[in-house]
Amino acid sequence: MKFTITARHFKAWPELQDTLELKAIQFSKAHPHVTSTEVVLSEEHDKEVEFIVHVNHHVLNSKDSGHDFDKAIHAATDKIMAQLRKLREKQSDYRRM
């Protein structure tokens, strides 16, 4: 699985990169066909985190912001996990028919 981090207007510290990499591993465990994960971090007004996850021919996107990166990462991760669960359920229901 391909994993990239883009930090806009700052340099992401190693602990933040490790946290994001663990989240990307969770995505690949939630859906076996995750091909790549991109993370975009921004610090312009609030701390903003955006996940872009590629699953076969689907692109899932979630964005969240907050006063610190931990809360924003957690909220954006929850959104992506919900989307991955929904996609996996749709695909498994289609195959059962």
N, C-alpha and C. Protein backbone atom coordinates (compact mmCIF):
# COMPACT_ATOMS: atom_id res chain seq x y z
N MET A 1 0.85 -1.17 0.00
CA MET A 1 0.00 0.00 0.00
C MET A 1 0.90 1.24 0.00
N LYS A 2 0.53 2.19 -0.84
CA LYS A 2 1.27 3.43 -0.94
C LYS A 2 0.74 4.42 0.10
N PHE A 3 1.64 5.14 0.76
CA PHE A 3 1.25 6.08 1.81
C PHE A 3 2.06 7.36 1.67
N THR A 4 1.37 8.52 1.57
CA THR A 4 2.07 9.80 1.46
C THR A 4 1.48 10.81 2.42
N ILE A 5 2.35 11.67 2.94
CA ILE A 5 1.94 12.76 3.83
C ILE A 5 2.40 14.07 3.19
N THR A 6 1.48 15.02 3.13
CA THR A 6 1.81 16.36 2.65
C THR A 6 1.48 17.34 3.76
N ALA A 7 2.46 18.09 4.20
CA ALA A 7 2.25 19.11 5.23
C ALA A 7 2.40 20.47 4.56
N ARG A 8 1.34 21.24 4.59
CA ARG A 8 1.35 22.55 3.95
C ARG A 8 1.81 23.62 4.93
N HIS A 9 2.85 24.33 4.58
CA HIS A 9 3.37 25.47 5.32
C HIS A 9 4.00 25.11 6.67
N PHE A 10 4.34 23.84 6.88
CA PHE A 10 5.09 23.44 8.08
C PHE A 10 5.67 22.06 7.84
N LYS A 11 6.53 21.62 8.73
CA LYS A 11 7.13 20.29 8.63
C LYS A 11 6.50 19.41 9.69
N ALA A 12 5.94 18.29 9.27
CA ALA A 12 5.29 17.36 10.19
C ALA A 12 6.35 16.65 11.04
N TRP A 13 6.16 16.64 12.35
CA TRP A 13 7.11 16.01 13.26
C TRP A 13 6.93 14.49 13.22
N PRO A 14 7.96 13.74 13.61
CA PRO A 14 7.96 12.28 13.48
C PRO A 14 6.82 11.59 14.23
N GLU A 15 6.43 12.06 15.41
CA GLU A 15 5.34 11.43 16.15
C GLU A 15 4.03 11.54 15.38
N LEU A 16 3.80 12.68 14.75
CA LEU A 16 2.60 12.89 13.95
C LEU A 16 2.61 11.96 12.75
N GLN A 17 3.76 11.81 12.11
CA GLN A 17 3.87 10.90 10.96
C GLN A 17 3.62 9.46 11.36
N ASP A 18 4.12 9.05 12.53
CA ASP A 18 3.90 7.69 13.01
C ASP A 18 2.42 7.43 13.29
N THR A 19 1.76 8.41 13.90
CA THR A 19 0.32 8.30 14.18
C THR A 19 -0.47 8.14 12.89
N LEU A 20 -0.14 8.94 11.89
CA LEU A 20 -0.84 8.86 10.61
C LEU A 20 -0.59 7.54 9.90
N GLU A 21 0.62 7.03 10.02
CA GLU A 21 0.92 5.74 9.39
C GLU A 21 0.15 4.60 10.05
N LEU A 22 -0.02 4.66 11.37
CA LEU A 22 -0.83 3.65 12.07
C LEU A 22 -2.28 3.71 11.63
N LYS A 23 -2.80 4.92 11.42
CA LYS A 23 -4.18 5.08 10.94
C LYS A 23 -4.32 4.48 9.55
N ALA A 24 -3.33 4.68 8.69
CA ALA A 24 -3.38 4.13 7.34
C ALA A 24 -3.38 2.60 7.37
N ILE A 25 -2.66 2.02 8.32
CA ILE A 25 -2.67 0.57 8.47
C ILE A 25 -4.04 0.09 8.91
N GLN A 26 -4.71 0.85 9.76
CA GLN A 26 -6.09 0.52 10.16
C GLN A 26 -7.02 0.50 8.95
N PHE A 27 -6.82 1.45 8.03
CA PHE A 27 -7.66 1.49 6.83
C PHE A 27 -7.48 0.22 6.01
N SER A 28 -6.26 -0.23 5.86
CA SER A 28 -6.02 -1.43 5.06
C SER A 28 -6.56 -2.68 5.76
N LYS A 29 -6.66 -2.66 7.08
CA LYS A 29 -7.27 -3.78 7.79
C LYS A 29 -8.79 -3.74 7.67
N ALA A 30 -9.36 -2.55 7.59
CA ALA A 30 -10.82 -2.41 7.49
C ALA A 30 -11.33 -2.85 6.11
N HIS A 31 -10.53 -2.63 5.07
CA HIS A 31 -10.91 -3.04 3.72
C HIS A 31 -9.66 -3.60 3.04
N PRO A 32 -9.71 -4.82 2.57
CA PRO A 32 -8.49 -5.46 2.05
C PRO A 32 -7.97 -4.88 0.73
N HIS A 33 -8.77 -4.09 0.02
CA HIS A 33 -8.36 -3.61 -1.29
C HIS A 33 -7.93 -2.14 -1.30
N VAL A 34 -7.48 -1.62 -0.17
CA VAL A 34 -6.96 -0.24 -0.13
C VAL A 34 -5.63 -0.23 -0.87
N THR A 35 -5.54 0.63 -1.90
CA THR A 35 -4.31 0.67 -2.70
C THR A 35 -3.38 1.79 -2.27
N SER A 36 -3.94 2.94 -1.84
CA SER A 36 -3.08 4.03 -1.38
C SER A 36 -3.84 4.95 -0.43
N THR A 37 -3.09 5.63 0.41
CA THR A 37 -3.63 6.61 1.34
C THR A 37 -2.78 7.87 1.27
N GLU A 38 -3.45 8.99 1.08
CA GLU A 38 -2.78 10.29 1.07
C GLU A 38 -3.31 11.09 2.25
N VAL A 39 -2.43 11.79 2.93
CA VAL A 39 -2.82 12.64 4.05
C VAL A 39 -2.32 14.05 3.77
N VAL A 40 -3.22 15.02 3.88
CA VAL A 40 -2.85 16.43 3.69
C VAL A 40 -3.09 17.14 5.01
N LEU A 41 -2.03 17.75 5.55
CA LEU A 41 -2.10 18.49 6.81
C LEU A 41 -1.95 19.97 6.51
N SER A 42 -2.73 20.79 7.21
CA SER A 42 -2.65 22.23 7.02
C SER A 42 -2.78 22.92 8.36
N GLU A 43 -2.10 24.05 8.51
CA GLU A 43 -2.10 24.80 9.76
C GLU A 43 -2.50 26.26 9.55
N GLU A 44 -3.27 26.56 8.52
CA GLU A 44 -3.55 27.96 8.21
C GLU A 44 -4.40 28.64 9.29
N HIS A 45 -5.64 28.22 9.48
CA HIS A 45 -6.49 28.81 10.50
C HIS A 45 -6.59 27.89 11.72
N ASP A 46 -7.04 26.68 11.49
CA ASP A 46 -7.04 25.63 12.50
C ASP A 46 -6.15 24.51 11.99
N LYS A 47 -5.97 23.50 12.81
CA LYS A 47 -5.24 22.31 12.38
C LYS A 47 -6.21 21.48 11.54
N GLU A 48 -5.89 21.26 10.29
CA GLU A 48 -6.79 20.56 9.37
C GLU A 48 -6.13 19.30 8.85
N VAL A 49 -6.90 18.20 8.84
CA VAL A 49 -6.42 16.91 8.35
C VAL A 49 -7.37 16.42 7.27
N GLU A 50 -6.81 15.97 6.15
CA GLU A 50 -7.63 15.41 5.08
C GLU A 50 -7.04 14.06 4.69
N PHE A 51 -7.88 13.03 4.68
CA PHE A 51 -7.50 11.69 4.23
C PHE A 51 -8.11 11.45 2.86
N ILE A 52 -7.30 10.95 1.94
CA ILE A 52 -7.78 10.53 0.63
C ILE A 52 -7.35 9.08 0.47
N VAL A 53 -8.33 8.18 0.44
CA VAL A 53 -8.06 6.75 0.42
C VAL A 53 -8.57 6.18 -0.91
N HIS A 54 -7.70 5.47 -1.62
CA HIS A 54 -8.05 4.84 -2.88
C HIS A 54 -8.30 3.36 -2.65
N VAL A 55 -9.51 2.91 -3.03
CA VAL A 55 -9.89 1.51 -2.88
C VAL A 55 -10.38 1.05 -4.25
N ASN A 56 -9.60 0.18 -4.90
CA ASN A 56 -9.91 -0.26 -6.26
C ASN A 56 -10.26 0.92 -7.15
N HIS A 57 -11.52 1.07 -7.54
CA HIS A 57 -11.93 2.16 -8.41
C HIS A 57 -12.68 3.25 -7.66
N HIS A 58 -12.58 3.27 -6.36
CA HIS A 58 -13.28 4.25 -5.52
C HIS A 58 -12.26 5.16 -4.83
N VAL A 59 -12.65 6.41 -4.63
CA VAL A 59 -11.83 7.36 -3.89
C VAL A 59 -12.66 7.87 -2.72
N LEU A 60 -12.20 7.63 -1.51
CA LEU A 60 -12.89 8.07 -0.31
C LEU A 60 -12.13 9.26 0.27
N ASN A 61 -12.89 10.23 0.75
CA ASN A 61 -12.28 11.48 1.20
C ASN A 61 -12.94 11.90 2.51
N SER A 62 -12.14 12.33 3.47
CA SER A 62 -12.68 12.91 4.70
C SER A 62 -11.76 14.03 5.15
N LYS A 63 -12.38 15.05 5.71
CA LYS A 63 -11.63 16.22 6.15
C LYS A 63 -12.20 16.67 7.48
N ASP A 64 -11.32 17.05 8.39
CA ASP A 64 -11.77 17.58 9.67
C ASP A 64 -10.73 18.56 10.18
N SER A 65 -11.17 19.46 11.04
CA SER A 65 -10.24 20.44 11.61
C SER A 65 -10.56 20.62 13.09
N GLY A 66 -9.59 21.13 13.81
CA GLY A 66 -9.74 21.36 15.23
C GLY A 66 -8.59 22.20 15.76
N HIS A 67 -8.55 22.35 17.07
CA HIS A 67 -7.50 23.15 17.69
C HIS A 67 -6.18 22.41 17.79
N ASP A 68 -6.23 21.06 17.74
CA ASP A 68 -5.00 20.28 17.71
C ASP A 68 -5.15 19.12 16.73
N PHE A 69 -4.03 18.59 16.29
CA PHE A 69 -4.05 17.56 15.27
C PHE A 69 -4.64 16.25 15.76
N ASP A 70 -4.47 15.91 17.03
CA ASP A 70 -4.98 14.64 17.53
C ASP A 70 -6.49 14.52 17.37
N LYS A 71 -7.21 15.56 17.75
CA LYS A 71 -8.68 15.54 17.62
C LYS A 71 -9.10 15.50 16.16
N ALA A 72 -8.42 16.26 15.32
CA ALA A 72 -8.76 16.29 13.90
C ALA A 72 -8.47 14.94 13.24
N ILE A 73 -7.36 14.32 13.60
CA ILE A 73 -7.01 13.00 13.04
C ILE A 73 -8.04 11.97 13.47
N HIS A 74 -8.41 11.99 14.73
CA HIS A 74 -9.38 11.02 15.24
C HIS A 74 -10.73 11.17 14.53
N ALA A 75 -11.22 12.39 14.37
CA ALA A 75 -12.51 12.62 13.73
C ALA A 75 -12.47 12.23 12.26
N ALA A 76 -11.41 12.60 11.55
CA ALA A 76 -11.31 12.25 10.13
C ALA A 76 -11.16 10.74 9.94
N THR A 77 -10.45 10.08 10.85
CA THR A 77 -10.31 8.63 10.80
C THR A 77 -11.65 7.94 10.98
N ASP A 78 -12.45 8.41 11.93
CA ASP A 78 -13.78 7.83 12.14
C ASP A 78 -14.64 7.94 10.88
N LYS A 79 -14.54 9.07 10.18
CA LYS A 79 -15.32 9.26 8.96
C LYS A 79 -14.89 8.29 7.86
N ILE A 80 -13.59 8.13 7.70
CA ILE A 80 -13.08 7.20 6.68
C ILE A 80 -13.44 5.76 7.02
N MET A 81 -13.33 5.39 8.28
CA MET A 81 -13.67 4.02 8.68
C MET A 81 -15.14 3.72 8.40
N ALA A 82 -16.03 4.70 8.64
CA ALA A 82 -17.45 4.51 8.34
C ALA A 82 -17.65 4.32 6.83
N GLN A 83 -16.94 5.11 6.03
CA GLN A 83 -17.05 4.98 4.58
C GLN A 83 -16.52 3.62 4.10
N LEU A 84 -15.42 3.16 4.69
CA LEU A 84 -14.87 1.86 4.32
C LEU A 84 -15.82 0.72 4.69
N ARG A 85 -16.43 0.81 5.87
CA ARG A 85 -17.40 -0.22 6.28
C ARG A 85 -18.58 -0.25 5.33
N LYS A 86 -19.09 0.92 4.98
CA LYS A 86 -20.25 1.00 4.08
C LYS A 86 -19.90 0.44 2.69
N LEU A 87 -18.73 0.78 2.18
CA LEU A 87 -18.31 0.27 0.88
C LEU A 87 -18.16 -1.25 0.91
N ARG A 88 -17.56 -1.75 1.97
CA ARG A 88 -17.38 -3.20 2.08
C ARG A 88 -18.72 -3.92 2.18
N GLU A 89 -19.68 -3.35 2.92
CA GLU A 89 -21.01 -3.95 3.02
C GLU A 89 -21.71 -3.95 1.66
N LYS A 90 -21.61 -2.85 0.93
CA LYS A 90 -22.22 -2.79 -0.39
C LYS A 90 -21.63 -3.84 -1.33
N GLN A 91 -20.32 -3.99 -1.30
CA GLN A 91 -19.66 -4.94 -2.16
C GLN A 91 -20.01 -6.38 -1.77
N SER A 92 -20.10 -6.65 -0.48
CA SER A 92 -20.44 -8.02 -0.06
C SER A 92 -21.91 -8.33 -0.34
N ASP A 93 -22.81 -7.33 -0.21
CA ASP A 93 -24.21 -7.55 -0.53
C ASP A 93 -24.39 -7.81 -2.03
N TYR A 94 -23.63 -7.12 -2.85
CA TYR A 94 -23.72 -7.31 -4.29
C TYR A 94 -23.28 -8.71 -4.67
N ARG A 95 -22.26 -9.20 -4.02
CA ARG A 95 -21.74 -10.53 -4.34
C ARG A 95 -22.67 -11.64 -3.87
N ARG A 96 -23.48 -11.38 -2.87
CA ARG A 96 -24.40 -12.40 -2.36
C ARG A 96 -25.58 -12.62 -3.29
N MET A 97 -25.90 -11.63 -4.09
CA MET A 97 -27.08 -11.75 -4.98
C MET A 97 -26.83 -12.68 -6.12
